Amino acid sequence: MKKIIILSSAIALSLAANVTVAQPGSWGDGQGATNGDQAQMRPDRRQARIDRIMKRFDVNQDEQITLDEVQSVRIARFNKMDVDGNGLLNSEELESFRAKMREESQNDATQNRRGRGQGMGKGNRLKRLDSNGDGQISVSEFTAKVPLFNRFDADKNGIITKEELSQRRRRRQ
């Protein structure tokens, strides 16, 4: 009799847990929100991210991002990182810049920089970008790979619009 009661209780608890997970607003529905306020924040955060990307890369402010604009922003970033001005980045310059950016992001609590730099050990970024294996990164190596541009340019016309940024984010979620 004891075994039947214990087994029945275990089954009942198991069923109750499954019902809870399947209810809207619980973790199991893929939304991750438990109330309307949290669900409303998602579109705002998405739009804020799109606005930050447009502000950073839409150099001529025509509401479109071209590969040339992305490359010009990357070249400017390379020049900031190239402390000694020799046209090459070494591991010390990369780490110094990374530390500076980490410090700035900690001081700027209003900007969401979640995930930046995670998984990139001290030498991994250098190895990933150093295509000729000389231990340094040239400006051409730094600007050669732009996989995010290709991922966001949904219609492959060489231009990223706000709509494409918005569509890409929705598909990913």
Protein backbone atom coordinates (compact mmCIF):
# COMPACT_ATOMS: atom_id res chain seq x y z
CA MET A 1 0.00 0.00 0.00
CA LYS A 2 2.85 2.39 0.88
CA LYS A 3 4.48 1.72 -2.50
CA ILE A 4 1.26 2.51 -4.35
CA ILE A 5 0.85 5.82 -2.51
CA ILE A 6 4.48 6.82 -3.13
CA LEU A 7 4.24 5.80 -6.82
CA SER A 8 0.93 7.66 -7.23
CA SER A 9 2.41 10.78 -5.62
CA ALA A 10 5.45 10.65 -7.91
CA ILE A 11 3.25 10.31 -10.99
CA ALA A 12 1.01 13.18 -9.84
CA LEU A 13 4.04 15.45 -9.25
CA SER A 14 5.47 14.54 -12.63
CA LEU A 15 2.22 15.38 -14.39
CA ALA A 16 1.90 18.65 -12.48
CA ALA A 17 5.42 19.66 -13.50
CA ASN A 18 4.69 18.93 -17.17
CA VAL A 19 1.49 20.98 -17.08
CA THR A 20 3.34 23.92 -15.51
CA VAL A 21 6.03 23.86 -18.21
CA ALA A 22 3.43 23.78 -20.98
CA GLN A 23 1.47 26.80 -19.74
CA PRO A 24 1.92 30.13 -21.60
CA GLY A 25 4.35 32.45 -19.86
CA SER A 26 6.37 29.63 -18.35
CA TRP A 27 9.91 28.71 -19.35
CA GLY A 28 8.70 25.88 -21.54
CA ASP A 29 6.88 28.07 -24.08
CA GLY A 30 10.06 29.55 -25.53
CA GLN A 31 9.10 33.07 -24.56
CA GLY A 32 10.95 33.16 -21.27
CA ALA A 33 8.63 35.86 -19.95
CA THR A 34 6.48 35.40 -16.89
CA ASN A 35 4.41 38.55 -17.23
CA GLY A 36 3.33 41.09 -19.83
CA ASP A 37 5.90 43.71 -18.80
CA GLN A 38 8.85 41.44 -19.54
CA ALA A 39 7.35 40.34 -22.85
CA GLN A 40 6.93 43.99 -23.86
CA MET A 41 10.61 44.75 -23.23
CA ARG A 42 11.79 42.37 -25.93
CA PRO A 43 10.72 44.45 -28.96
CA ASP A 44 12.16 47.57 -27.30
CA ARG A 45 15.50 45.85 -26.68
CA ARG A 46 15.52 44.50 -30.23
CA GLN A 47 14.83 47.96 -31.63
CA ALA A 48 17.52 49.50 -29.41
CA ARG A 49 20.03 46.98 -30.75
CA ILE A 50 19.05 47.73 -34.35
CA ASP A 51 19.36 51.46 -33.66
CA ARG A 52 22.86 50.95 -32.18
CA ILE A 53 23.96 48.96 -35.24
CA MET A 54 22.58 51.61 -37.61
CA LYS A 55 24.21 54.42 -35.64
CA ARG A 56 27.56 52.65 -35.64
CA PHE A 57 27.72 51.49 -39.26
CA ASP A 58 25.42 53.79 -41.28
CA VAL A 59 28.16 56.37 -41.82
CA ASN A 60 26.28 58.52 -44.35
CA GLN A 61 22.98 58.19 -42.43
CA ASP A 62 20.92 57.05 -45.42
CA GLU A 63 19.18 54.28 -43.42
CA GLN A 64 21.27 51.63 -45.24
CA ILE A 65 24.53 49.92 -44.35
CA THR A 66 26.90 49.03 -47.18
CA LEU A 67 30.01 46.87 -47.04
CA ASP A 68 32.11 49.99 -47.69
CA GLU A 69 30.62 51.64 -44.60
CA VAL A 70 31.33 48.57 -42.48
CA GLN A 71 34.89 48.45 -43.80
CA SER A 72 35.46 52.15 -43.04
CA VAL A 73 34.26 51.64 -39.46
CA ARG A 74 36.53 48.60 -39.12
CA ILE A 75 39.52 50.53 -40.49
CA ALA A 76 38.88 53.33 -37.98
CA ARG A 77 38.73 50.74 -35.20
CA PHE A 78 41.96 49.15 -36.45
CA ASN A 79 43.66 52.56 -36.34
CA LYS A 80 42.54 53.07 -32.72
CA MET A 81 43.94 49.67 -31.82
CA ASP A 82 47.26 50.22 -33.63
CA VAL A 83 48.91 52.13 -30.80
CA ASP A 84 52.42 52.17 -32.29
CA GLY A 85 51.12 53.20 -35.74
CA ASN A 86 53.06 50.55 -37.64
CA GLY A 87 50.02 49.29 -39.57
CA LEU A 88 50.05 45.96 -37.73
CA LEU A 89 48.32 44.72 -34.59
CA ASN A 90 50.12 42.43 -32.19
CA SER A 91 48.72 40.49 -29.25
CA GLU A 92 49.62 43.25 -26.76
CA GLU A 93 47.72 45.89 -28.73
CA LEU A 94 44.71 43.61 -29.05
CA GLU A 95 44.67 42.80 -25.34
CA SER A 96 45.17 46.44 -24.37
CA PHE A 97 42.25 47.54 -26.54
CA ARG A 98 40.09 44.70 -25.27
CA ALA A 99 40.81 45.68 -21.65
CA LYS A 100 39.96 49.31 -22.44
CA MET A 101 36.66 48.29 -24.03
CA ARG A 102 35.82 46.04 -21.07
CA GLU A 103 36.44 48.96 -18.71
CA GLU A 104 34.29 51.32 -20.77
CA SER A 105 31.44 48.80 -20.95
CA GLN A 106 31.51 48.40 -17.17
CA ASN A 107 31.29 52.18 -16.79
CA ASP A 108 28.44 52.43 -19.31
CA ALA A 109 25.61 50.63 -17.54
CA THR A 110 22.97 51.88 -20.01
CA GLN A 111 24.34 49.97 -23.00
CA ASN A 112 23.77 46.24 -23.29
CA ARG A 113 27.06 44.61 -24.30
CA ARG A 114 26.05 41.10 -23.33
CA GLY A 115 28.26 38.44 -24.89
CA ARG A 116 31.03 40.68 -26.19
CA GLY A 117 34.41 39.04 -26.08
CA GLN A 118 33.20 35.88 -24.42
CA GLY A 119 35.00 32.79 -25.54
CA MET A 120 37.89 34.78 -26.98
CA GLY A 121 41.01 33.95 -25.09
CA LYS A 122 44.06 36.17 -25.20
CA GLY A 123 45.48 34.66 -28.40
CA ASN A 124 42.32 33.37 -30.09
CA ARG A 125 41.38 36.65 -31.77
CA LEU A 126 44.91 37.03 -33.12
CA LYS A 127 44.90 33.47 -34.47
CA ARG A 128 41.45 33.88 -36.00
CA LEU A 129 42.32 37.09 -37.86
CA ASP A 130 45.98 36.36 -38.69
CA SER A 131 45.44 34.66 -42.04
CA ASN A 132 49.13 34.56 -43.04
CA GLY A 133 50.29 33.27 -39.65
CA ASP A 134 52.96 35.93 -39.03
CA GLY A 135 51.73 36.69 -35.50
CA GLN A 136 50.42 40.13 -36.45
CA ILE A 137 47.25 41.43 -38.08
CA SER A 138 47.39 43.83 -41.01
CA VAL A 139 44.54 46.16 -41.89
CA SER A 140 43.68 43.95 -44.88
CA GLU A 141 43.49 40.88 -42.61
CA PHE A 142 41.38 42.82 -40.11
CA THR A 143 38.86 43.91 -42.73
CA ALA A 144 38.87 40.76 -44.91
CA LYS A 145 36.31 38.72 -42.97
CA VAL A 146 32.88 40.24 -42.41
CA PRO A 147 30.60 37.22 -41.92
CA LEU A 148 27.95 39.22 -40.07
CA PHE A 149 27.42 41.42 -43.12
CA ASN A 150 26.60 38.38 -45.24
CA ARG A 151 24.34 36.97 -42.54
CA PHE A 152 22.29 40.16 -42.22
CA ASP A 153 22.15 40.98 -45.95
CA ALA A 154 19.13 38.76 -46.55
CA ASP A 155 18.57 39.67 -50.21
CA LYS A 156 22.32 39.65 -50.99
CA ASN A 157 22.22 43.07 -52.67
CA GLY A 158 25.19 44.45 -50.71
CA ILE A 159 23.00 46.66 -48.51
CA ILE A 160 21.62 46.02 -45.03
CA THR A 161 18.42 47.82 -44.08
CA LYS A 162 16.64 48.14 -40.74
CA GLU A 163 14.07 45.70 -42.04
CA GLU A 164 16.75 43.09 -42.74
CA LEU A 165 18.23 43.59 -39.27
CA SER A 166 14.77 43.18 -37.80
CA GLN A 167 13.99 40.07 -39.86
CA ARG A 168 17.26 38.40 -38.97
CA ARG A 169 16.71 38.91 -35.25
CA ARG A 170 13.22 37.43 -35.44
CA ARG A 171 14.35 34.33 -37.31
CA ARG A 172 17.13 33.75 -34.81
CA GLN A 173 14.87 33.77 -31.75
